[in-house]
Amino acid sequence: MIGMTISTLKNMNNNLPIITNTLTPNVRVFFSQRGEVIPNDNYSSFNICNYTGDSEEHILYCRNRLCDYLNIPLSNLITPRQTHSLNVKIIDSTTINSSELENVDALVTNLSNVAIAVNTAD
């Protein structure tokens, strides 16, 4: 992809690669990798998904690190509770009740300085 860059986000004892691409002057896409800090420990690496069984403290730590990297407040990181549905949520405010993000698999926004974060596997 043209314009793709790879940078790193300091994460605990390692550097986490962040792959970014600027689609338009106002839209940037990024992908992070989990990395691994402690072998065979599923929750020792980068994780912002709050429904994996990981500790709330670790997830919050990772979300804060990502928001620091993106230079946005934590409230501007929007993450749905994905359930393999056809449900779409329009994000028109960063004041969102977590129940509004349940059973949602796609998010759309035109807000500035907001990161929509979805989780993928494999």
N, C-alpha and C. Protein backbone atom coordinates (compact mmCIF):
# COMPACT_ATOMS: atom_id res chain seq x y z
N MET A 1 0.83 -1.17 0.00
CA MET A 1 0.00 0.00 0.00
C MET A 1 0.88 1.24 0.00
N ILE A 2 0.54 2.19 -0.78
CA ILE A 2 1.30 3.43 -0.85
C ILE A 2 1.10 4.20 0.45
N GLY A 3 2.18 4.71 0.98
CA GLY A 3 2.11 5.50 2.20
C GLY A 3 2.13 4.69 3.47
N MET A 4 2.27 3.36 3.39
CA MET A 4 2.26 2.54 4.58
C MET A 4 3.57 2.71 5.34
N THR A 5 3.45 2.83 6.65
CA THR A 5 4.63 2.91 7.49
C THR A 5 4.49 1.93 8.63
N ILE A 6 5.61 1.50 9.15
CA ILE A 6 5.62 0.64 10.32
C ILE A 6 6.37 1.38 11.41
N SER A 7 5.73 1.53 12.53
CA SER A 7 6.38 2.17 13.67
C SER A 7 6.23 1.24 14.86
N THR A 8 6.71 1.67 16.00
CA THR A 8 6.60 0.81 17.17
C THR A 8 5.96 1.56 18.32
N LEU A 9 5.25 0.81 19.11
CA LEU A 9 4.61 1.30 20.31
C LEU A 9 5.27 0.57 21.47
N LYS A 10 5.88 1.29 22.38
CA LYS A 10 6.51 0.65 23.52
C LYS A 10 5.43 -0.07 24.32
N ASN A 11 5.62 -1.36 24.56
CA ASN A 11 4.64 -2.16 25.28
C ASN A 11 5.36 -3.08 26.25
N MET A 12 5.31 -2.73 27.49
CA MET A 12 5.94 -3.53 28.53
C MET A 12 7.40 -3.76 28.20
N ASN A 13 7.81 -4.98 27.94
CA ASN A 13 9.22 -5.29 27.72
C ASN A 13 9.59 -5.39 26.25
N ASN A 14 8.69 -5.06 25.34
CA ASN A 14 9.02 -5.18 23.93
C ASN A 14 8.44 -4.01 23.14
N ASN A 15 8.73 -3.97 21.86
CA ASN A 15 8.15 -2.98 20.97
C ASN A 15 7.06 -3.65 20.17
N LEU A 16 5.92 -3.02 20.09
CA LEU A 16 4.78 -3.56 19.36
C LEU A 16 4.70 -2.88 18.01
N PRO A 17 4.78 -3.63 16.90
CA PRO A 17 4.66 -3.00 15.60
C PRO A 17 3.25 -2.45 15.35
N ILE A 18 3.19 -1.24 14.87
CA ILE A 18 1.94 -0.62 14.45
C ILE A 18 2.10 -0.30 12.96
N ILE A 19 1.24 -0.85 12.15
CA ILE A 19 1.27 -0.59 10.72
C ILE A 19 0.21 0.46 10.43
N THR A 20 0.59 1.57 9.83
CA THR A 20 -0.36 2.65 9.57
C THR A 20 -0.37 3.01 8.08
N ASN A 21 -1.51 3.51 7.65
CA ASN A 21 -1.66 3.98 6.29
C ASN A 21 -2.63 5.16 6.32
N THR A 22 -2.27 6.24 5.67
CA THR A 22 -3.15 7.40 5.58
C THR A 22 -3.97 7.26 4.30
N LEU A 23 -5.28 7.08 4.47
CA LEU A 23 -6.16 6.91 3.31
C LEU A 23 -6.51 8.25 2.67
N THR A 24 -6.80 9.23 3.50
CA THR A 24 -7.07 10.59 3.05
C THR A 24 -6.42 11.50 4.08
N PRO A 25 -6.38 12.80 3.85
CA PRO A 25 -5.79 13.68 4.86
C PRO A 25 -6.47 13.57 6.23
N ASN A 26 -7.71 13.10 6.26
CA ASN A 26 -8.46 13.02 7.52
C ASN A 26 -8.70 11.60 8.02
N VAL A 27 -8.21 10.59 7.30
CA VAL A 27 -8.47 9.21 7.70
C VAL A 27 -7.17 8.43 7.72
N ARG A 28 -6.87 7.85 8.87
CA ARG A 28 -5.68 7.02 9.03
C ARG A 28 -6.12 5.64 9.51
N VAL A 29 -5.56 4.61 8.94
CA VAL A 29 -5.86 3.23 9.31
C VAL A 29 -4.64 2.67 10.00
N PHE A 30 -4.85 1.87 11.04
CA PHE A 30 -3.71 1.24 11.70
C PHE A 30 -4.05 -0.18 12.11
N PHE A 31 -3.03 -0.99 12.17
CA PHE A 31 -3.14 -2.38 12.60
C PHE A 31 -2.06 -2.61 13.65
N SER A 32 -2.42 -3.26 14.73
CA SER A 32 -1.42 -3.60 15.74
C SER A 32 -1.30 -5.11 15.81
N GLN A 33 -0.16 -5.54 16.29
CA GLN A 33 0.04 -6.96 16.54
C GLN A 33 0.10 -7.17 18.03
N ARG A 34 -0.26 -8.37 18.48
CA ARG A 34 -0.28 -8.63 19.91
C ARG A 34 1.12 -8.68 20.50
N GLY A 35 2.05 -9.26 19.80
CA GLY A 35 3.37 -9.44 20.39
C GLY A 35 3.30 -10.49 21.49
N GLU A 36 4.43 -10.82 22.06
CA GLU A 36 4.44 -11.75 23.18
C GLU A 36 5.53 -11.34 24.14
N VAL A 37 5.18 -11.23 25.39
CA VAL A 37 6.14 -10.84 26.41
C VAL A 37 6.57 -12.06 27.20
N ILE A 38 5.61 -12.85 27.64
CA ILE A 38 5.90 -14.06 28.41
C ILE A 38 5.42 -15.27 27.59
N PRO A 39 6.31 -16.17 27.20
CA PRO A 39 5.89 -17.33 26.41
C PRO A 39 4.77 -18.12 27.09
N ASN A 40 3.82 -18.55 26.29
CA ASN A 40 2.68 -19.36 26.73
C ASN A 40 1.74 -18.64 27.69
N ASP A 41 1.81 -17.33 27.76
CA ASP A 41 0.87 -16.56 28.58
C ASP A 41 0.05 -15.71 27.62
N ASN A 42 -1.19 -16.13 27.38
CA ASN A 42 -2.05 -15.45 26.41
C ASN A 42 -2.29 -13.98 26.72
N TYR A 43 -2.17 -13.59 27.99
CA TYR A 43 -2.52 -12.24 28.37
C TYR A 43 -1.32 -11.38 28.75
N SER A 44 -0.14 -11.79 28.39
CA SER A 44 1.03 -10.98 28.72
C SER A 44 1.36 -9.98 27.63
N SER A 45 0.67 -10.03 26.51
CA SER A 45 1.00 -9.17 25.38
C SER A 45 -0.06 -8.07 25.22
N PHE A 46 0.06 -7.30 24.14
CA PHE A 46 -0.83 -6.19 23.86
C PHE A 46 -2.24 -6.70 23.61
N ASN A 47 -3.23 -6.18 24.34
CA ASN A 47 -4.61 -6.62 24.21
C ASN A 47 -5.54 -5.50 24.63
N ILE A 48 -6.40 -5.04 23.70
CA ILE A 48 -7.39 -4.02 24.05
C ILE A 48 -8.80 -4.59 24.07
N CYS A 49 -8.94 -5.89 23.88
CA CYS A 49 -10.26 -6.54 23.82
C CYS A 49 -10.72 -6.90 25.23
N ASN A 50 -11.84 -6.31 25.64
CA ASN A 50 -12.29 -6.50 27.02
C ASN A 50 -13.18 -7.72 27.23
N TYR A 51 -13.27 -8.62 26.27
CA TYR A 51 -14.06 -9.83 26.48
C TYR A 51 -13.27 -11.09 26.15
N THR A 52 -12.00 -11.08 26.53
CA THR A 52 -11.14 -12.23 26.27
C THR A 52 -10.77 -12.99 27.53
N GLY A 53 -11.11 -12.48 28.69
CA GLY A 53 -10.71 -13.10 29.93
C GLY A 53 -9.48 -12.46 30.54
N ASP A 54 -8.91 -11.49 29.86
CA ASP A 54 -7.76 -10.76 30.35
C ASP A 54 -8.20 -9.85 31.51
N SER A 55 -7.26 -9.42 32.33
CA SER A 55 -7.59 -8.54 33.46
C SER A 55 -7.95 -7.14 32.96
N GLU A 56 -8.87 -6.50 33.66
CA GLU A 56 -9.27 -5.14 33.31
C GLU A 56 -8.09 -4.18 33.38
N GLU A 57 -7.20 -4.40 34.34
CA GLU A 57 -6.05 -3.53 34.51
C GLU A 57 -5.12 -3.60 33.29
N HIS A 58 -4.89 -4.82 32.80
CA HIS A 58 -4.00 -4.99 31.65
C HIS A 58 -4.62 -4.39 30.39
N ILE A 59 -5.90 -4.60 30.19
CA ILE A 59 -6.59 -4.05 29.02
C ILE A 59 -6.54 -2.52 29.05
N LEU A 60 -6.80 -1.95 30.22
CA LEU A 60 -6.75 -0.50 30.37
C LEU A 60 -5.34 0.02 30.11
N TYR A 61 -4.33 -0.68 30.61
CA TYR A 61 -2.94 -0.30 30.35
C TYR A 61 -2.68 -0.27 28.84
N CYS A 62 -3.08 -1.31 28.12
CA CYS A 62 -2.85 -1.39 26.67
C CYS A 62 -3.64 -0.33 25.93
N ARG A 63 -4.88 -0.09 26.34
CA ARG A 63 -5.67 0.96 25.69
C ARG A 63 -5.04 2.33 25.89
N ASN A 64 -4.57 2.58 27.09
CA ASN A 64 -3.90 3.87 27.36
C ASN A 64 -2.65 4.03 26.52
N ARG A 65 -1.86 2.96 26.37
CA ARG A 65 -0.65 3.01 25.54
C ARG A 65 -1.02 3.32 24.09
N LEU A 66 -2.08 2.68 23.58
CA LEU A 66 -2.51 2.92 22.21
C LEU A 66 -2.99 4.36 22.05
N CYS A 67 -3.76 4.85 22.99
CA CYS A 67 -4.25 6.23 22.92
C CYS A 67 -3.11 7.23 22.99
N ASP A 68 -2.10 6.92 23.81
CA ASP A 68 -0.91 7.78 23.84
C ASP A 68 -0.26 7.83 22.47
N TYR A 69 -0.13 6.67 21.84
CA TYR A 69 0.49 6.59 20.51
C TYR A 69 -0.33 7.38 19.49
N LEU A 70 -1.67 7.28 19.57
CA LEU A 70 -2.55 7.96 18.63
C LEU A 70 -2.79 9.43 19.00
N ASN A 71 -2.34 9.81 20.20
CA ASN A 71 -2.51 11.17 20.69
C ASN A 71 -3.99 11.55 20.80
N ILE A 72 -4.76 10.63 21.40
CA ILE A 72 -6.18 10.88 21.64
C ILE A 72 -6.50 10.50 23.09
N PRO A 73 -7.56 11.08 23.65
CA PRO A 73 -7.97 10.66 24.99
C PRO A 73 -8.59 9.26 24.95
N LEU A 74 -8.53 8.57 26.06
CA LEU A 74 -9.08 7.21 26.14
C LEU A 74 -10.56 7.17 25.74
N SER A 75 -11.30 8.21 26.05
CA SER A 75 -12.73 8.25 25.70
C SER A 75 -12.96 8.26 24.19
N ASN A 76 -11.91 8.55 23.41
CA ASN A 76 -12.05 8.58 21.95
C ASN A 76 -11.63 7.27 21.28
N LEU A 77 -11.37 6.25 22.08
CA LEU A 77 -11.11 4.91 21.55
C LEU A 77 -12.40 4.11 21.69
N ILE A 78 -13.05 3.84 20.59
CA ILE A 78 -14.36 3.18 20.59
C ILE A 78 -14.18 1.74 20.14
N THR A 79 -14.58 0.81 21.01
CA THR A 79 -14.42 -0.62 20.74
C THR A 79 -15.74 -1.34 20.98
N PRO A 80 -16.30 -1.97 19.96
CA PRO A 80 -17.57 -2.68 20.15
C PRO A 80 -17.38 -4.06 20.76
N ARG A 81 -18.46 -4.64 21.23
CA ARG A 81 -18.49 -6.05 21.65
C ARG A 81 -18.99 -6.82 20.45
N GLN A 82 -18.04 -7.32 19.66
CA GLN A 82 -18.35 -7.95 18.38
C GLN A 82 -18.96 -9.34 18.58
N THR A 83 -19.99 -9.64 17.79
CA THR A 83 -20.69 -10.92 17.93
C THR A 83 -21.03 -11.58 16.59
N HIS A 84 -20.34 -11.22 15.54
CA HIS A 84 -20.59 -11.78 14.20
C HIS A 84 -22.02 -11.54 13.76
N SER A 85 -22.47 -10.31 13.92
CA SER A 85 -23.82 -9.91 13.53
C SER A 85 -23.75 -8.98 12.32
N LEU A 86 -24.89 -8.48 11.92
CA LEU A 86 -24.96 -7.48 10.85
C LEU A 86 -25.21 -6.09 11.43
N ASN A 87 -25.08 -5.94 12.73
CA ASN A 87 -25.41 -4.69 13.40
C ASN A 87 -24.31 -3.65 13.24
N VAL A 88 -24.76 -2.43 12.90
CA VAL A 88 -23.86 -1.30 12.68
C VAL A 88 -24.25 -0.19 13.64
N LYS A 89 -23.25 0.46 14.23
CA LYS A 89 -23.49 1.58 15.14
C LYS A 89 -22.82 2.82 14.56
N ILE A 90 -23.57 3.89 14.46
CA ILE A 90 -23.02 5.17 14.04
C ILE A 90 -22.52 5.90 15.28
N ILE A 91 -21.26 6.26 15.27
CA ILE A 91 -20.66 6.96 16.40
C ILE A 91 -20.71 8.45 16.11
N ASP A 92 -21.62 9.14 16.79
CA ASP A 92 -21.76 10.59 16.58
C ASP A 92 -21.39 11.37 17.83
N SER A 93 -20.90 10.66 18.85
CA SER A 93 -20.45 11.28 20.08
C SER A 93 -19.48 10.33 20.77
N THR A 94 -18.56 10.87 21.54
CA THR A 94 -17.66 10.00 22.29
C THR A 94 -18.24 9.67 23.67
N THR A 95 -19.41 10.21 23.97
CA THR A 95 -20.11 9.86 25.19
C THR A 95 -21.05 8.71 24.86
N ILE A 96 -20.56 7.50 25.05
CA ILE A 96 -21.29 6.31 24.65
C ILE A 96 -21.41 5.38 25.85
N ASN A 97 -22.59 4.89 26.07
CA ASN A 97 -22.81 3.88 27.09
C ASN A 97 -22.31 2.55 26.54
N SER A 98 -21.61 1.77 27.34
CA SER A 98 -21.05 0.51 26.85
C SER A 98 -22.13 -0.43 26.32
N SER A 99 -23.36 -0.33 26.82
CA SER A 99 -24.43 -1.19 26.32
C SER A 99 -24.77 -0.88 24.86
N GLU A 100 -24.47 0.36 24.41
CA GLU A 100 -24.72 0.73 23.02
C GLU A 100 -23.74 0.03 22.07
N LEU A 101 -22.65 -0.50 22.61
CA LEU A 101 -21.64 -1.15 21.78
C LEU A 101 -21.72 -2.67 21.86
N GLU A 102 -22.73 -3.19 22.56
CA GLU A 102 -22.94 -4.64 22.63
C GLU A 102 -23.57 -5.14 21.34
N ASN A 103 -23.13 -6.32 20.88
CA ASN A 103 -23.71 -6.96 19.71
C ASN A 103 -23.61 -6.06 18.47
N VAL A 104 -22.45 -5.43 18.30
CA VAL A 104 -22.19 -4.54 17.16
C VAL A 104 -20.93 -5.02 16.47
N ASP A 105 -20.95 -5.12 15.16
CA ASP A 105 -19.78 -5.58 14.42
C ASP A 105 -19.19 -4.56 13.48
N ALA A 106 -19.87 -3.45 13.30
CA ALA A 106 -19.32 -2.40 12.44
C ALA A 106 -19.62 -1.05 13.08
N LEU A 107 -18.63 -0.17 13.01
CA LEU A 107 -18.78 1.19 13.53
C LEU A 107 -18.47 2.17 12.41
N VAL A 108 -19.20 3.27 12.39
CA VAL A 108 -19.00 4.32 11.40
C VAL A 108 -19.00 5.65 12.14
N THR A 109 -18.09 6.54 11.75
CA THR A 109 -18.08 7.86 12.36
C THR A 109 -17.52 8.88 11.37
N ASN A 110 -17.87 10.13 11.61
CA ASN A 110 -17.23 11.23 10.89
C ASN A 110 -16.58 12.18 11.89
N LEU A 111 -16.44 11.73 13.13
CA LEU A 111 -15.80 12.54 14.17
C LEU A 111 -14.30 12.57 13.98
N SER A 112 -13.71 13.71 14.29
CA SER A 112 -12.25 13.85 14.24
C SER A 112 -11.64 13.30 15.52
N ASN A 113 -10.41 12.83 15.41
CA ASN A 113 -9.64 12.35 16.56
C ASN A 113 -10.33 11.23 17.33
N VAL A 114 -11.04 10.37 16.61
CA VAL A 114 -11.68 9.20 17.19
C VAL A 114 -11.09 7.98 16.53
N ALA A 115 -10.75 6.98 17.35
CA ALA A 115 -10.25 5.72 16.82
C ALA A 115 -11.31 4.64 17.02
N ILE A 116 -11.68 4.03 15.94
CA ILE A 116 -12.57 2.87 15.99
C ILE A 116 -11.69 1.64 16.02
N ALA A 117 -11.85 0.84 17.05
CA ALA A 117 -10.99 -0.33 17.20
C ALA A 117 -11.82 -1.60 17.13
N VAL A 118 -11.51 -2.45 16.19
CA VAL A 118 -12.16 -3.76 16.12
C VAL A 118 -11.09 -4.82 16.32
N ASN A 119 -11.51 -5.95 16.82
CA ASN A 119 -10.59 -7.04 17.13
C ASN A 119 -10.71 -8.11 16.06
N THR A 120 -9.58 -8.62 15.66
CA THR A 120 -9.55 -9.70 14.69
C THR A 120 -8.69 -10.83 15.25
N ALA A 121 -8.86 -12.00 14.71
CA ALA A 121 -8.08 -13.15 15.16
C ALA A 121 -7.39 -13.80 13.98
N ASP A 122 -6.31 -14.45 14.29
CA ASP A 122 -5.54 -15.21 13.28
C ASP A 122 -5.16 -14.35 12.12
